[in-house]
């Protein structure tokens, strides 16, 4: 069974897809362009810019490094 997923894009669509995959038991890495937004996801489990008020599962992380 696949347990890891990578999503190119950490905007609203990429983050929402990441939540769906994380809810299915996957570890998700979002690849984005903005380091501050990646830090928000990693440190606060939120994507405050695109999905304010939504808590992200702990199995979602973000990076700007490809």
PDB file of N, CA and C in Angstrom:
ATOM      1  N   UNK A   1       0.828  -1.183   0.000  1.00  0.00           N
ATOM      2  CA  UNK A   1       0.000   0.000   0.000  1.00  0.00           C
ATOM      3  C   UNK A   1       0.874   1.249   0.000  1.00  0.00           C
ATOM      4  N   UNK A   2       0.509   2.233  -0.775  1.00  0.00           N
ATOM      5  CA  UNK A   2       1.255   3.492  -0.856  1.00  0.00           C
ATOM      6  C   UNK A   2       0.952   4.315   0.385  1.00  0.00           C
ATOM      7  N   UNK A   3       2.003   4.801   1.058  1.00  0.00           N
ATOM      8  CA  UNK A   3       1.833   5.575   2.280  1.00  0.00           C
ATOM      9  C   UNK A   3       2.324   7.008   2.160  1.00  0.00           C
ATOM     10  N   UNK A   4       3.020   7.350   1.072  1.00  0.00           N
ATOM     11  CA  UNK A   4       3.573   8.688   0.895  1.00  0.00           C
ATOM     12  C   UNK A   4       3.052   9.300  -0.393  1.00  0.00           C
ATOM     13  N   UNK A   5       2.759  10.605  -0.332  1.00  0.00           N
ATOM     14  CA  UNK A   5       2.282  11.317  -1.520  1.00  0.00           C
ATOM     15  C   UNK A   5       2.996  12.656  -1.611  1.00  0.00           C
ATOM     16  N   UNK A   6       3.254  13.083  -2.822  1.00  0.00           N
ATOM     17  CA  UNK A   6       3.837  14.402  -3.087  1.00  0.00           C
ATOM     18  C   UNK A   6       2.855  15.178  -3.947  1.00  0.00           C
ATOM     19  N   UNK A   7       2.652  16.433  -3.588  1.00  0.00           N
ATOM     20  CA  UNK A   7       1.745  17.295  -4.337  1.00  0.00           C
ATOM     21  C   UNK A   7       2.522  18.534  -4.761  1.00  0.00           C
ATOM     22  N   UNK A   8       2.519  18.803  -6.045  1.00  0.00           N
ATOM     23  CA  UNK A   8       3.168  20.005  -6.560  1.00  0.00           C
ATOM     24  C   UNK A   8       2.176  21.146  -6.473  1.00  0.00           C
ATOM     25  N   UNK A   9       2.450  22.049  -5.565  1.00  0.00           N
ATOM     26  CA  UNK A   9       1.573  23.185  -5.322  1.00  0.00           C
ATOM     27  C   UNK A   9       1.037  23.145  -3.905  1.00  0.00           C
ATOM     28  N   UNK A  10       1.232  24.230  -3.180  1.00  0.00           N
ATOM     29  CA  UNK A  10       0.785  24.310  -1.787  1.00  0.00           C
ATOM     30  C   UNK A  10      -0.277  25.388  -1.621  1.00  0.00           C
ATOM     31  N   UNK A  11      -1.013  25.645  -2.696  1.00  0.00           N
ATOM     32  CA  UNK A  11      -2.109  26.609  -2.632  1.00  0.00           C
ATOM     33  C   UNK A  11      -3.361  25.953  -2.084  1.00  0.00           C
ATOM     34  N   UNK A  12      -4.501  26.542  -2.372  1.00  0.00           N
ATOM     35  CA  UNK A  12      -5.753  26.024  -1.820  1.00  0.00           C
ATOM     36  C   UNK A  12      -6.073  24.621  -2.333  1.00  0.00           C
ATOM     37  N   UNK A  13      -5.916  24.395  -3.629  1.00  0.00           N
ATOM     38  CA  UNK A  13      -6.224  23.076  -4.197  1.00  0.00           C
ATOM     39  C   UNK A  13      -5.234  22.017  -3.723  1.00  0.00           C
ATOM     40  N   UNK A  14      -3.953  22.320  -3.769  1.00  0.00           N
ATOM     41  CA  UNK A  14      -2.951  21.348  -3.334  1.00  0.00           C
ATOM     42  C   UNK A  14      -3.099  20.996  -1.868  1.00  0.00           C
ATOM     43  N   UNK A  15      -3.358  22.014  -1.041  1.00  0.00           N
ATOM     44  CA  UNK A  15      -3.525  21.767   0.388  1.00  0.00           C
ATOM     45  C   UNK A  15      -4.787  20.960   0.660  1.00  0.00           C
ATOM     46  N   UNK A  16      -5.886  21.298  -0.017  1.00  0.00           N
ATOM     47  CA  UNK A  16      -7.129  20.544   0.173  1.00  0.00           C
ATOM     48  C   UNK A  16      -6.960  19.088  -0.249  1.00  0.00           C
ATOM     49  N   UNK A  17      -6.290  18.854  -1.354  1.00  0.00           N
ATOM     50  CA  UNK A  17      -6.014  17.480  -1.787  1.00  0.00           C
ATOM     51  C   UNK A  17      -5.139  16.773  -0.754  1.00  0.00           C
ATOM     52  N   UNK A  18      -4.167  17.492  -0.205  1.00  0.00           N
ATOM     53  CA  UNK A  18      -3.315  16.925   0.829  1.00  0.00           C
ATOM     54  C   UNK A  18      -4.101  16.490   2.054  1.00  0.00           C
ATOM     55  N   UNK A  19      -5.104  17.281   2.436  1.00  0.00           N
ATOM     56  CA  UNK A  19      -5.950  16.925   3.583  1.00  0.00           C
ATOM     57  C   UNK A  19      -6.713  15.639   3.293  1.00  0.00           C
ATOM     58  N   UNK A  20      -7.249  15.512   2.095  1.00  0.00           N
ATOM     59  CA  UNK A  20      -7.988  14.293   1.730  1.00  0.00           C
ATOM     60  C   UNK A  20      -7.060  13.075   1.801  1.00  0.00           C
ATOM     61  N   UNK A  21      -5.869  13.198   1.240  1.00  0.00           N
ATOM     62  CA  UNK A  21      -4.920  12.072   1.258  1.00  0.00           C
ATOM     63  C   UNK A  21      -4.458  11.759   2.682  1.00  0.00           C
ATOM     64  N   UNK A  22      -4.213  12.795   3.479  1.00  0.00           N
ATOM     65  CA  UNK A  22      -3.799  12.581   4.871  1.00  0.00           C
ATOM     66  C   UNK A  22      -4.910  11.896   5.659  1.00  0.00           C
ATOM     67  N   UNK A  23      -6.153  12.270   5.396  1.00  0.00           N
ATOM     68  CA  UNK A  23      -7.282  11.622   6.071  1.00  0.00           C
ATOM     69  C   UNK A  23      -7.414  10.155   5.681  1.00  0.00           C
ATOM     70  N   UNK A  24      -6.820   9.778   4.546  1.00  0.00           N
ATOM     71  CA  UNK A  24      -6.814   8.375   4.111  1.00  0.00           C
ATOM     72  C   UNK A  24      -5.594   7.629   4.647  1.00  0.00           C
ATOM     73  N   UNK A  25      -4.805   8.276   5.515  1.00  0.00           N
ATOM     74  CA  UNK A  25      -3.673   7.621   6.156  1.00  0.00           C
ATOM     75  C   UNK A  25      -2.326   7.830   5.490  1.00  0.00           C
ATOM     76  N   UNK A  26      -2.242   8.769   4.560  1.00  0.00           N
ATOM     77  CA  UNK A  26      -0.986   8.989   3.846  1.00  0.00           C
ATOM     78  C   UNK A  26      -0.167  10.109   4.487  1.00  0.00           C
ATOM     79  N   UNK A  27       1.149  10.018   4.340  1.00  0.00           N
ATOM     80  CA  UNK A  27       2.059  11.109   4.658  1.00  0.00           C
ATOM     81  C   UNK A  27       2.170  11.969   3.405  1.00  0.00           C
ATOM     82  N   UNK A  28       1.926  13.262   3.527  1.00  0.00           N
ATOM     83  CA  UNK A  28       1.846  14.142   2.370  1.00  0.00           C
ATOM     84  C   UNK A  28       2.913  15.226   2.460  1.00  0.00           C
ATOM     85  N   UNK A  29       3.618  15.439   1.355  1.00  0.00           N
ATOM     86  CA  UNK A  29       4.541  16.557   1.233  1.00  0.00           C
ATOM     87  C   UNK A  29       4.033  17.479   0.147  1.00  0.00           C
ATOM     88  N   UNK A  30       3.821  18.746   0.521  1.00  0.00           N
ATOM     89  CA  UNK A  30       3.421  19.771  -0.435  1.00  0.00           C
ATOM     90  C   UNK A  30       4.668  20.504  -0.901  1.00  0.00           C
ATOM     91  N   UNK A  31       4.806  20.674  -2.206  1.00  0.00           N
ATOM     92  CA  UNK A  31       5.923  21.422  -2.769  1.00  0.00           C
ATOM     93  C   UNK A  31       5.405  22.763  -3.255  1.00  0.00           C
ATOM     94  N   UNK A  32       5.878  23.849  -2.626  1.00  0.00           N
ATOM     95  CA  UNK A  32       5.427  25.188  -2.985  1.00  0.00           C
ATOM     96  C   UNK A  32       6.595  26.114  -3.272  1.00  0.00           C
ATOM     97  N   UNK A  33       6.253  27.367  -3.567  1.00  0.00           N
ATOM     98  CA  UNK A  33       7.268  28.361  -3.914  1.00  0.00           C
ATOM     99  C   UNK A  33       7.573  29.324  -2.767  1.00  0.00           C
ATOM    100  N   UNK A  34       6.677  29.450  -1.813  1.00  0.00           N
ATOM    101  CA  UNK A  34       6.807  30.465  -0.776  1.00  0.00           C
ATOM    102  C   UNK A  34       7.276  29.837   0.534  1.00  0.00           C
ATOM    103  N   UNK A  35       8.471  30.227   0.969  1.00  0.00           N
ATOM    104  CA  UNK A  35       9.058  29.632   2.170  1.00  0.00           C
ATOM    105  C   UNK A  35       8.263  29.970   3.433  1.00  0.00           C
ATOM    106  N   UNK A  36       7.715  31.166   3.510  1.00  0.00           N
ATOM    107  CA  UNK A  36       6.921  31.557   4.673  1.00  0.00           C
ATOM    108  C   UNK A  36       5.664  30.718   4.820  1.00  0.00           C
ATOM    109  N   UNK A  37       5.023  30.414   3.702  1.00  0.00           N
ATOM    110  CA  UNK A  37       3.832  29.581   3.752  1.00  0.00           C
ATOM    111  C   UNK A  37       4.180  28.142   4.103  1.00  0.00           C
ATOM    112  N   UNK A  38       5.318  27.667   3.605  1.00  0.00           N
ATOM    113  CA  UNK A  38       5.771  26.323   3.966  1.00  0.00           C
ATOM    114  C   UNK A  38       6.055  26.252   5.473  1.00  0.00           C
ATOM    115  N   UNK A  39       6.660  27.292   6.009  1.00  0.00           N
ATOM    116  CA  UNK A  39       6.921  27.334   7.451  1.00  0.00           C
ATOM    117  C   UNK A  39       5.623  27.328   8.248  1.00  0.00           C
ATOM    118  N   UNK A  40       4.616  28.054   7.774  1.00  0.00           N
ATOM    119  CA  UNK A  40       3.314  28.083   8.448  1.00  0.00           C
ATOM    120  C   UNK A  40       2.713  26.673   8.512  1.00  0.00           C
ATOM    121  N   UNK A  41       2.804  25.948   7.412  1.00  0.00           N
ATOM    122  CA  UNK A  41       2.288  24.575   7.366  1.00  0.00           C
ATOM    123  C   UNK A  41       3.075  23.678   8.323  1.00  0.00           C
ATOM    124  N   UNK A  42       4.386  23.778   8.297  1.00  0.00           N
ATOM    125  CA  UNK A  42       5.229  22.895   9.109  1.00  0.00           C
ATOM    126  C   UNK A  42       5.164  23.220  10.599  1.00  0.00           C
ATOM    127  N   UNK A  43       5.117  24.491  10.943  1.00  0.00           N
ATOM    128  CA  UNK A  43       5.179  24.879  12.356  1.00  0.00           C
ATOM    129  C   UNK A  43       3.808  24.975  13.016  1.00  0.00           C
ATOM    130  N   UNK A  44       2.787  25.361  12.252  1.00  0.00           N
ATOM    131  CA  UNK A  44       1.477  25.622  12.844  1.00  0.00           C
ATOM    132  C   UNK A  44       0.376  24.671  12.370  1.00  0.00           C
ATOM    133  N   UNK A  45       0.718  23.777  11.440  1.00  0.00           N
ATOM    134  CA  UNK A  45      -0.279  22.885  10.819  1.00  0.00           C
ATOM    135  C   UNK A  45      -1.450  23.680  10.256  1.00  0.00           C
ATOM    136  N   UNK A  46      -1.110  24.776   9.577  1.00  0.00           N
ATOM    137  CA  UNK A  46      -2.107  25.638   8.942  1.00  0.00           C
ATOM    138  C   UNK A  46      -1.547  26.170   7.629  1.00  0.00           C
ATOM    139  N   UNK A  47      -2.440  26.449   6.714  1.00  0.00           N
ATOM    140  CA  UNK A  47      -2.092  27.204   5.516  1.00  0.00           C
ATOM    141  C   UNK A  47      -2.954  28.461   5.592  1.00  0.00           C
ATOM    142  N   UNK A  48      -2.528  29.378   6.470  1.00  0.00           N
ATOM    143  CA  UNK A  48      -3.317  30.556   6.824  1.00  0.00           C
ATOM    144  C   UNK A  48      -3.631  31.446   5.637  1.00  0.00           C
ATOM    145  N   UNK A  49      -2.780  31.462   4.637  1.00  0.00           N
ATOM    146  CA  UNK A  49      -2.989  32.334   3.480  1.00  0.00           C
ATOM    147  C   UNK A  49      -4.111  31.811   2.585  1.00  0.00           C
ATOM    148  N   UNK A  50      -4.102  30.520   2.288  1.00  0.00           N
ATOM    149  CA  UNK A  50      -5.064  29.944   1.350  1.00  0.00           C
ATOM    150  C   UNK A  50      -6.276  29.299   2.008  1.00  0.00           C
ATOM    151  N   UNK A  51      -6.105  28.724   3.196  1.00  0.00           N
ATOM    152  CA  UNK A  51      -7.215  28.053   3.887  1.00  0.00           C
ATOM    153  C   UNK A  51      -7.270  28.516   5.343  1.00  0.00           C
ATOM    154  N   UNK A  52      -7.577  29.784   5.574  1.00  0.00           N
ATOM    155  CA  UNK A  52      -7.599  30.285   6.952  1.00  0.00           C
ATOM    156  C   UNK A  52      -8.648  29.555   7.791  1.00  0.00           C
ATOM    157  N   UNK A  53      -8.281  29.279   9.037  1.00  0.00           N
ATOM    158  CA  UNK A  53      -9.209  28.633   9.955  1.00  0.00           C
ATOM    159  C   UNK A  53      -9.262  27.122   9.862  1.00  0.00           C
ATOM    160  N   UNK A  54      -8.507  26.527   8.948  1.00  0.00           N
ATOM    161  CA  UNK A  54      -8.498  25.074   8.776  1.00  0.00           C
ATOM    162  C   UNK A  54      -7.236  24.501   9.420  1.00  0.00           C
ATOM    163  N   UNK A  55      -7.413  23.564  10.338  1.00  0.00           N
ATOM    164  CA  UNK A  55      -6.272  22.856  10.931  1.00  0.00           C
ATOM    165  C   UNK A  55      -5.905  21.691  10.021  1.00  0.00           C
ATOM    166  N   UNK A  56      -4.629  21.579   9.704  1.00  0.00           N
ATOM    167  CA  UNK A  56      -4.154  20.511   8.830  1.00  0.00           C
ATOM    168  C   UNK A  56      -3.701  19.313   9.655  1.00  0.00           C
ATOM    169  N   UNK A  57      -3.868  18.113   9.110  1.00  0.00           N
ATOM    170  CA  UNK A  57      -3.356  16.924   9.801  1.00  0.00           C
ATOM    171  C   UNK A  57      -1.832  17.015   9.973  1.00  0.00           C
ATOM    172  N   UNK A  58      -1.345  16.425  11.029  1.00  0.00           N
ATOM    173  CA  UNK A  58       0.101  16.453  11.334  1.00  0.00           C
ATOM    174  C   UNK A  58       0.914  15.690  10.291  1.00  0.00           C
ATOM    175  N   UNK A  59       0.282  14.874   9.461  1.00  0.00           N
ATOM    176  CA  UNK A  59       1.015  14.101   8.464  1.00  0.00           C
ATOM    177  C   UNK A  59       1.236  14.885   7.166  1.00  0.00           C
ATOM    178  N   UNK A  60       0.916  16.188   7.193  1.00  0.00           N
ATOM    179  CA  UNK A  60       1.181  17.061   6.040  1.00  0.00           C
ATOM    180  C   UNK A  60       2.384  17.935   6.381  1.00  0.00           C
ATOM    181  N   UNK A  61       3.344  17.946   5.475  1.00  0.00           N
ATOM    182  CA  UNK A  61       4.493  18.844   5.610  1.00  0.00           C
ATOM    183  C   UNK A  61       4.651  19.597   4.271  1.00  0.00           C
ATOM    184  N   UNK A  62       5.464  20.638   4.313  1.00  0.00           N
ATOM    185  CA  UNK A  62       5.664  21.438   3.112  1.00  0.00           C
ATOM    186  C   UNK A  62       7.141  21.780   2.955  1.00  0.00           C
ATOM    187  N   UNK A  63       7.531  22.000   1.708  1.00  0.00           N
ATOM    188  CA  UNK A  63       8.905  22.376   1.396  1.00  0.00           C
ATOM    189  C   UNK A  63       8.922  23.234   0.137  1.00  0.00           C
ATOM    190  N   UNK A  64      10.013  23.967  -0.018  1.00  0.00           N
ATOM    191  CA  UNK A  64      10.234  24.717  -1.260  1.00  0.00           C
ATOM    192  C   UNK A  64      11.382  24.106  -2.045  1.00  0.00           C
ATOM    193  N   UNK A  65      11.977  23.062  -1.499  1.00  0.00           N
ATOM    194  CA  UNK A  65      13.127  22.401  -2.143  1.00  0.00           C
ATOM    195  C   UNK A  65      12.656  21.244  -3.009  1.00  0.00           C
ATOM    196  N   UNK A  66      13.095  21.240  -4.252  1.00  0.00           N
ATOM    197  CA  UNK A  66      12.711  20.148  -5.145  1.00  0.00           C
ATOM    198  C   UNK A  66      13.879  19.222  -5.353  1.00  0.00           C
TER     199      UNK A  66
END
